[in-house]
């Protein structure tokens, strides 16, 4: 659908994004995920034809032209509504394209309904809450039936309940439309909720483009791992490796995993997601788990709906447990527990050499 090659985006004379190659497939949702200041919004504006760039940008195999803009819709973090009714705002783009009033009102009402705000059709935009206004903004973009939809941090200004509800409703609104969508976000949950693939952007460079689950399970490098929440990135040494098992040393501790070591690297980085670590009391030690360690709880921190547990297993380890699990275990700093993880869950990265 859209292909960028050797794309360079500059703002204020400064290079903010450089992409060797990025291709969007028809009908997919791609999340541009990265920290603040990574160049995500600038890249999305360039892909949408709204910001000049160097390099090649091709739509369905041909260089983009002025007609490309009519196939694109964009939603920003701020709704940017006119002082008119919600219905008139949704119908605005259709009006500019000369669609007859009856048809544009029908399409506006259809999109308002899909996003759960039919009851706001005659309300003045100035009277809408932030979440309501953003729903109207999204309905306005969808009413154009764009082939490419760009969403630039559309949930960032919303409170948590409004954000979760809108994520769910937008996901349903996109199902079956065939719209190719690019979502700009720094929020991992948003990317996982909506995206088929994720492109991780760090300091203006694409570091990994892969299916959503693969990015989180097998990040391409240590920086991507840290950003997607793989808090355990541990220097390791390969003790021995077979076709079925890799035995590592992390400090004085032996760890067995099924992932093969990176070719030619005997000192890889061991990545373990905190959600994949199980904490139990000693009497509940699982004999079937290859990697099981006596550990001391050194710190407990609330982390949203979970608790972040820092452990000393002879090497540092961070685990996430639900608040209920923390209460059931009676966890407290200084407690002696058992930490375990399956051999299939860790991922190995090559050590970055200086």
Protein backbone atom coordinates (compact mmCIF):
# COMPACT_ATOMS: atom_id res chain seq x y z
CA UNK A 1 0.00 0.00 0.00
CA UNK A 2 2.72 2.48 1.03
CA UNK A 3 6.48 2.10 0.80
CA UNK A 4 9.19 4.43 2.12
CA UNK A 5 12.80 3.99 1.02
CA UNK A 6 15.80 6.03 2.24
CA UNK A 7 13.37 8.50 3.80
CA UNK A 8 14.86 11.46 5.69
CA UNK A 9 12.68 13.89 7.64
CA UNK A 10 14.03 17.24 8.83
CA UNK A 11 12.44 19.88 11.03
CA UNK A 12 14.05 23.24 11.67
CA UNK A 13 17.07 22.11 9.65
CA UNK A 14 17.64 19.15 11.98
CA UNK A 15 17.25 15.52 10.97
CA UNK A 16 14.57 13.94 13.15
CA UNK A 17 13.93 10.62 11.39
CA UNK A 18 15.72 8.41 8.89
CA UNK A 19 14.15 5.22 7.53
CA UNK A 20 15.97 2.88 5.17
CA UNK A 21 12.82 0.92 4.34
CA UNK A 22 9.29 0.63 5.65
CA UNK A 23 6.34 -0.96 3.86
CA UNK A 24 2.69 -0.92 4.90
CA UNK A 25 0.45 -3.75 3.79
CA UNK A 26 -3.13 -3.06 2.75
CA UNK A 27 -5.55 -3.32 5.66
CA UNK A 28 -2.97 -3.68 8.43
CA UNK A 29 -2.54 -1.52 11.52
CA UNK A 30 1.07 -0.54 12.16
CA UNK A 31 2.09 1.11 15.43
CA UNK A 32 5.00 3.54 15.40
CA UNK A 33 6.16 2.93 18.96
CA UNK A 34 8.93 4.76 20.74
CA UNK A 35 9.86 7.18 23.51
CA UNK A 36 8.96 10.84 23.43
CA UNK A 37 11.18 12.75 21.02
CA UNK A 38 11.96 9.67 18.91
CA UNK A 39 10.64 11.26 15.71
CA UNK A 40 7.40 9.24 15.50
CA UNK A 41 5.03 12.14 14.77
CA UNK A 42 7.36 13.67 12.21
CA UNK A 43 7.67 10.34 10.42
CA UNK A 44 3.88 9.90 10.40
CA UNK A 45 3.39 13.40 8.98
CA UNK A 46 5.90 12.62 6.23
CA UNK A 47 4.20 9.30 5.42
CA UNK A 48 0.88 11.13 5.24
CA UNK A 49 2.30 13.63 2.76
CA UNK A 50 1.91 16.50 5.24
CA UNK A 51 5.62 17.13 5.85
CA UNK A 52 8.34 17.44 3.19
CA UNK A 53 10.93 14.69 3.19
CA UNK A 54 13.83 13.34 1.19
CA UNK A 55 13.91 9.89 -0.36
CA UNK A 56 11.23 7.76 -2.00
CA UNK A 57 7.61 7.53 -0.88
CA UNK A 58 5.43 5.36 -3.12
CA UNK A 59 1.71 4.67 -2.93
CA UNK A 60 0.59 1.44 -4.63
CA UNK A 61 3.91 1.33 -6.46
CA UNK A 62 3.83 4.89 -7.84
CA UNK A 63 5.34 8.10 -6.42
CA UNK A 64 2.83 10.01 -4.32
CA UNK A 65 1.09 12.89 -6.06
CA UNK A 66 -1.46 15.56 -5.02
CA UNK A 67 -4.28 13.02 -5.35
CA UNK A 68 -2.67 10.93 -2.60
CA UNK A 69 -3.84 13.44 0.03
CA UNK A 70 -7.47 12.64 -0.80
CA UNK A 71 -6.89 9.04 0.18
CA UNK A 72 -5.45 9.97 3.58
CA UNK A 73 -7.03 11.08 6.87
CA UNK A 74 -5.21 12.10 10.05
CA UNK A 75 -6.24 12.44 13.68
CA UNK A 76 -4.08 14.40 16.11
CA UNK A 77 -3.70 14.37 19.88
CA UNK A 78 -5.93 17.46 20.11
CA UNK A 79 -9.32 17.05 18.38
CA UNK A 80 -9.19 20.43 16.53
CA UNK A 81 -12.97 20.79 16.15
CA UNK A 82 -14.78 23.80 14.74
CA UNK A 83 -17.39 25.70 16.75
CA UNK A 84 -20.24 23.73 15.20
CA UNK A 85 -22.29 20.69 16.11
CA UNK A 86 -20.65 17.28 16.41
CA UNK A 87 -22.48 16.12 13.26
CA UNK A 88 -21.30 19.18 11.28
CA UNK A 89 -17.72 18.51 12.39
CA UNK A 90 -17.89 14.89 11.29
CA UNK A 91 -19.39 15.92 7.94
CA UNK A 92 -16.87 18.72 7.35
CA UNK A 93 -14.47 16.79 5.11
CA UNK A 94 -17.34 15.39 3.09
CA UNK A 95 -18.72 18.90 2.64
CA UNK A 96 -15.36 20.11 1.33
CA UNK A 97 -15.44 17.25 -1.18
CA UNK A 98 -18.86 18.25 -2.46
CA UNK A 99 -20.85 15.36 -1.03
CA UNK A 100 -24.58 16.22 -0.92
CA UNK A 101 -25.95 17.20 2.50
CA UNK A 102 -28.22 14.17 2.97
CA UNK A 103 -25.40 11.73 2.17
CA UNK A 104 -22.82 13.46 4.35
CA UNK A 105 -25.24 13.59 7.31
CA UNK A 106 -26.02 9.89 6.85
CA UNK A 107 -22.32 9.01 6.83
CA UNK A 108 -21.63 11.31 9.78
CA UNK A 109 -24.37 9.69 11.86
CA UNK A 110 -23.10 6.23 10.89
CA UNK A 111 -19.59 6.98 12.18
CA UNK A 112 -20.88 8.70 15.32
CA UNK A 113 -22.86 5.53 16.01
CA UNK A 114 -19.83 3.29 15.48
CA UNK A 115 -17.93 5.31 18.05
CA UNK A 116 -20.78 5.35 20.52
CA UNK A 117 -21.65 9.07 20.41
CA UNK A 118 -24.84 9.25 18.34
CA UNK A 119 -26.46 11.15 21.20
CA UNK A 120 -23.96 13.98 20.74
CA UNK A 121 -24.83 14.67 17.09
CA UNK A 122 -26.50 18.04 17.74
CA UNK A 123 -24.29 19.09 20.64
CA UNK A 124 -21.91 22.01 20.14
CA UNK A 125 -18.29 20.91 19.94
CA UNK A 126 -17.31 23.42 22.63
CA UNK A 127 -19.51 21.57 25.15
CA UNK A 128 -17.88 18.15 24.64
CA UNK A 129 -15.51 16.48 27.07
CA UNK A 130 -12.02 15.54 25.92
CA UNK A 131 -12.99 11.93 25.28
CA UNK A 132 -16.19 12.91 23.46
CA UNK A 133 -14.34 15.44 21.29
CA UNK A 134 -11.74 12.85 20.32
CA UNK A 135 -14.48 10.40 19.34
CA UNK A 136 -15.96 13.08 17.09
CA UNK A 137 -12.52 13.74 15.60
CA UNK A 138 -12.06 10.04 14.86
CA UNK A 139 -15.55 9.83 13.36
CA UNK A 140 -14.69 12.78 11.09
CA UNK A 141 -11.64 10.95 9.77
CA UNK A 142 -13.48 7.64 9.30
CA UNK A 143 -16.39 9.33 7.52
CA UNK A 144 -14.01 10.07 4.64
CA UNK A 145 -13.51 6.31 4.24
CA UNK A 146 -9.75 6.86 3.84
CA UNK A 147 -7.46 4.21 2.42
CA UNK A 148 -4.78 5.32 4.90
CA UNK A 149 -5.57 6.55 8.41
CA UNK A 150 -2.87 8.18 10.54
CA UNK A 151 -3.46 8.46 14.30
CA UNK A 152 -0.97 10.70 16.10
CA UNK A 153 -1.15 9.94 19.85
CA UNK A 154 -4.97 10.15 19.80
CA UNK A 155 -5.39 8.83 23.35
CA UNK A 156 -2.56 10.70 25.08
CA UNK A 157 -4.67 13.51 26.57
CA UNK A 158 -7.45 11.24 27.90
CA UNK A 159 -7.96 9.92 31.41
CA UNK A 160 -7.54 6.17 31.90
CA UNK A 161 -11.24 5.14 31.73
CA UNK A 162 -11.88 7.29 28.62
CA UNK A 163 -8.74 5.97 27.00
CA UNK A 164 -9.59 2.31 27.60
CA UNK A 165 -13.15 2.72 26.35
CA UNK A 166 -12.06 4.57 23.21
CA UNK A 167 -9.35 2.01 22.46
CA UNK A 168 -11.96 -0.72 22.52
CA UNK A 169 -14.49 1.19 20.41
CA UNK A 170 -11.91 2.27 17.85
CA UNK A 171 -10.69 -1.31 17.50
CA UNK A 172 -14.24 -2.41 16.70
CA UNK A 173 -14.76 0.51 14.30
CA UNK A 174 -11.69 -0.50 12.29
CA UNK A 175 -12.61 -4.19 12.00
CA UNK A 176 -13.62 -5.13 8.48
CA UNK A 177 -13.06 -1.68 6.95
CA UNK A 178 -9.85 -2.57 5.13
CA UNK A 179 -8.32 0.74 6.21
CA UNK A 180 -4.54 0.76 6.44
CA UNK A 181 -3.79 2.45 9.76
CA UNK A 182 -0.65 3.96 11.31
CA UNK A 183 -0.84 4.57 15.06
CA UNK A 184 1.77 6.83 16.67
CA UNK A 185 2.16 6.02 20.36
CA UNK A 186 4.62 5.75 23.21
CA UNK A 187 2.23 3.46 25.10
CA UNK A 188 2.95 -0.26 24.88
CA UNK A 189 -0.61 -1.27 25.79
CA UNK A 190 -2.07 0.86 22.99
CA UNK A 191 0.29 -0.71 20.48
CA UNK A 192 -0.56 -4.24 21.62
CA UNK A 193 -4.30 -3.50 21.66
CA UNK A 194 -4.57 -2.19 18.10
CA UNK A 195 -1.51 -3.09 16.02
CA UNK A 196 -0.85 -6.06 13.77
CA UNK A 197 2.80 -5.02 13.51
CA UNK A 198 4.97 -2.66 15.53
CA UNK A 199 7.79 -0.45 14.27
CA UNK A 200 10.00 0.64 17.16
CA UNK A 201 11.60 4.04 16.63
CA UNK A 202 14.47 5.16 18.86
CA UNK A 203 16.34 8.42 18.25
CA UNK A 204 14.87 8.71 14.76
CA UNK A 205 15.88 5.22 13.62
CA UNK A 206 13.74 2.15 13.08
CA UNK A 207 15.20 -0.49 15.37
CA UNK A 208 12.69 -3.29 14.79
CA UNK A 209 9.63 -3.91 12.61
CA UNK A 210 7.80 -7.13 13.39
CA UNK A 211 4.45 -8.62 14.44
CA UNK A 212 3.34 -7.12 17.74
CA UNK A 213 3.85 -10.23 19.86
CA UNK A 214 7.31 -10.83 18.39
CA UNK A 215 8.54 -7.35 19.31
CA UNK A 216 7.58 -7.93 22.94
CA UNK A 217 8.77 -11.53 23.11
CA UNK A 218 11.97 -11.18 21.05
CA UNK A 219 13.18 -7.56 20.99
CA UNK A 220 15.93 -6.82 18.49
CA UNK A 221 18.39 -5.15 20.86
CA UNK A 222 18.85 -4.05 24.47
CA UNK A 223 17.34 -0.59 23.95
CA UNK A 224 14.22 -2.01 22.31
CA UNK A 225 14.01 -4.60 25.09
CA UNK A 226 14.14 -1.91 27.76
CA UNK A 227 11.50 0.19 26.03
CA UNK A 228 9.00 -2.63 25.53
CA UNK A 229 9.23 -3.59 29.19
CA UNK A 230 11.81 -6.37 29.25
CA UNK A 231 13.36 -5.07 32.45
CA UNK A 232 15.70 -8.00 32.95
CA UNK A 233 18.60 -7.66 30.50
CA UNK A 234 21.45 -9.59 32.08
CA UNK A 235 25.04 -10.13 30.88
CA UNK A 236 25.59 -13.86 30.54
CA UNK A 237 28.23 -16.37 29.44
CA UNK A 238 27.50 -19.46 27.35
CA UNK A 239 28.65 -22.49 29.33
CA UNK A 240 27.56 -25.04 26.74
CA UNK A 241 24.98 -25.30 23.97
CA UNK A 242 23.23 -28.19 22.24
CA UNK A 243 20.43 -28.34 19.68
CA UNK A 244 17.91 -28.46 22.51
CA UNK A 245 19.38 -26.46 25.38
CA UNK A 246 21.69 -23.53 26.10
CA UNK A 247 23.34 -23.46 29.52
CA UNK A 248 24.38 -20.00 30.69
CA UNK A 249 26.25 -18.56 33.64
CA UNK A 250 24.94 -15.32 35.10
CA UNK A 251 27.38 -14.44 37.84
CA UNK A 252 27.73 -17.65 39.83
CA UNK A 253 24.30 -18.98 38.86
CA UNK A 254 23.50 -21.49 36.10
CA UNK A 255 20.46 -20.86 33.88
CA UNK A 256 19.09 -23.26 31.25
CA UNK A 257 17.09 -22.00 28.27
CA UNK A 258 15.91 -23.32 24.92
CA UNK A 259 16.93 -20.25 22.88
CA UNK A 260 20.15 -20.77 20.89
CA UNK A 261 23.03 -18.37 21.51
CA UNK A 262 23.71 -15.63 18.94
CA UNK A 263 26.19 -16.92 16.35
CA UNK A 264 29.77 -16.36 17.43
CA UNK A 265 28.83 -14.65 20.71
CA UNK A 266 29.74 -16.45 23.93
CA UNK A 267 28.73 -13.45 26.07
CA UNK A 268 25.13 -12.65 25.09
CA UNK A 269 22.53 -10.61 26.94
CA UNK A 270 19.79 -12.64 28.60
CA UNK A 271 16.33 -11.02 28.35
CA UNK A 272 13.47 -12.09 30.61
CA UNK A 273 10.13 -10.34 30.84
CA UNK A 274 9.05 -9.59 34.43
CA UNK A 275 5.60 -11.04 33.67
CA UNK A 276 7.22 -14.44 32.93
CA UNK A 277 8.71 -14.80 36.42
CA UNK A 278 6.76 -16.71 39.06
CA UNK A 279 7.22 -16.01 42.75
CA UNK A 280 6.28 -18.63 45.35
CA UNK A 281 6.98 -19.57 48.91
CA UNK A 282 9.54 -22.34 49.37
CA UNK A 283 6.92 -24.99 50.11
CA UNK A 284 5.34 -24.31 46.70
CA UNK A 285 8.56 -24.78 44.73
CA UNK A 286 7.78 -26.25 41.30
CA UNK A 287 9.97 -29.27 40.60
CA UNK A 288 9.14 -29.24 36.86
CA UNK A 289 10.61 -25.79 36.20
CA UNK A 290 14.24 -25.85 35.06
CA UNK A 291 15.11 -22.43 36.45
CA UNK A 292 14.19 -22.11 40.11
CA UNK A 293 16.16 -19.93 42.52
CA UNK A 294 16.13 -19.06 46.18
CA UNK A 295 15.64 -15.31 46.30
CA UNK A 296 15.33 -12.40 48.70
CA UNK A 297 12.79 -9.63 48.14
CA UNK A 298 14.78 -6.39 48.18
CA UNK A 299 12.07 -3.96 47.07
CA UNK A 300 8.33 -3.74 46.45
CA UNK A 301 6.85 -0.96 44.32
CA UNK A 302 3.25 -0.40 43.16
CA UNK A 303 3.08 -0.34 39.35
CA UNK A 304 -0.48 0.37 38.28
CA UNK A 305 -2.52 -2.77 38.78
CA UNK A 306 0.58 -4.77 39.60
CA UNK A 307 3.46 -4.82 42.04
CA UNK A 308 7.06 -4.60 40.84
CA UNK A 309 9.19 -6.97 42.90
CA UNK A 310 12.97 -6.64 42.92
CA UNK A 311 14.73 -9.88 43.84
CA UNK A 312 18.26 -10.95 44.70
CA UNK A 313 18.79 -14.46 43.28
CA UNK A 314 22.56 -14.26 43.25
CA UNK A 315 21.83 -11.97 40.31
CA UNK A 316 19.26 -9.14 40.15
CA UNK A 317 15.81 -10.03 38.87
CA UNK A 318 12.60 -8.02 38.53
CA UNK A 319 9.19 -9.68 38.56
CA UNK A 320 5.66 -8.33 38.16
CA UNK A 321 2.83 -9.86 40.18
CA UNK A 322 -0.78 -8.82 40.59
CA UNK A 323 -1.70 -6.94 43.75
CA UNK A 324 -3.84 -9.90 44.76
CA UNK A 325 -0.88 -12.29 44.35
CA UNK A 326 1.31 -10.00 46.44
CA UNK A 327 -1.33 -10.03 49.19
CA UNK A 328 -1.84 -13.80 49.00
CA UNK A 329 1.91 -14.38 49.27
CA UNK A 330 2.20 -11.80 52.04
CA UNK A 331 5.24 -10.31 50.32
CA UNK A 332 7.43 -7.94 52.30
CA UNK A 333 10.94 -6.61 51.83
CA UNK A 334 13.47 -9.05 53.27
CA UNK A 335 11.28 -12.12 52.63
CA UNK A 336 12.87 -15.30 51.34
CA UNK A 337 10.98 -16.71 48.36
CA UNK A 338 11.46 -18.86 45.28
CA UNK A 339 11.67 -17.22 41.84
CA UNK A 340 11.26 -19.36 38.74
CA UNK A 341 10.78 -19.13 34.99
CA UNK A 342 10.45 -21.66 32.19
CA UNK A 343 13.37 -22.44 29.90
CA UNK A 344 11.24 -21.39 26.91
CA UNK A 345 10.63 -17.77 27.93
CA UNK A 346 14.06 -16.02 27.86
CA UNK A 347 15.47 -14.42 24.72
CA UNK A 348 19.15 -13.93 23.89
CA UNK A 349 20.64 -10.83 22.27
CA UNK A 350 24.19 -10.36 21.00
CA UNK A 351 26.29 -8.21 23.31
CA UNK A 352 26.83 -4.82 21.75
CA UNK A 353 30.55 -4.48 21.18
CA UNK A 354 32.33 -1.15 21.42
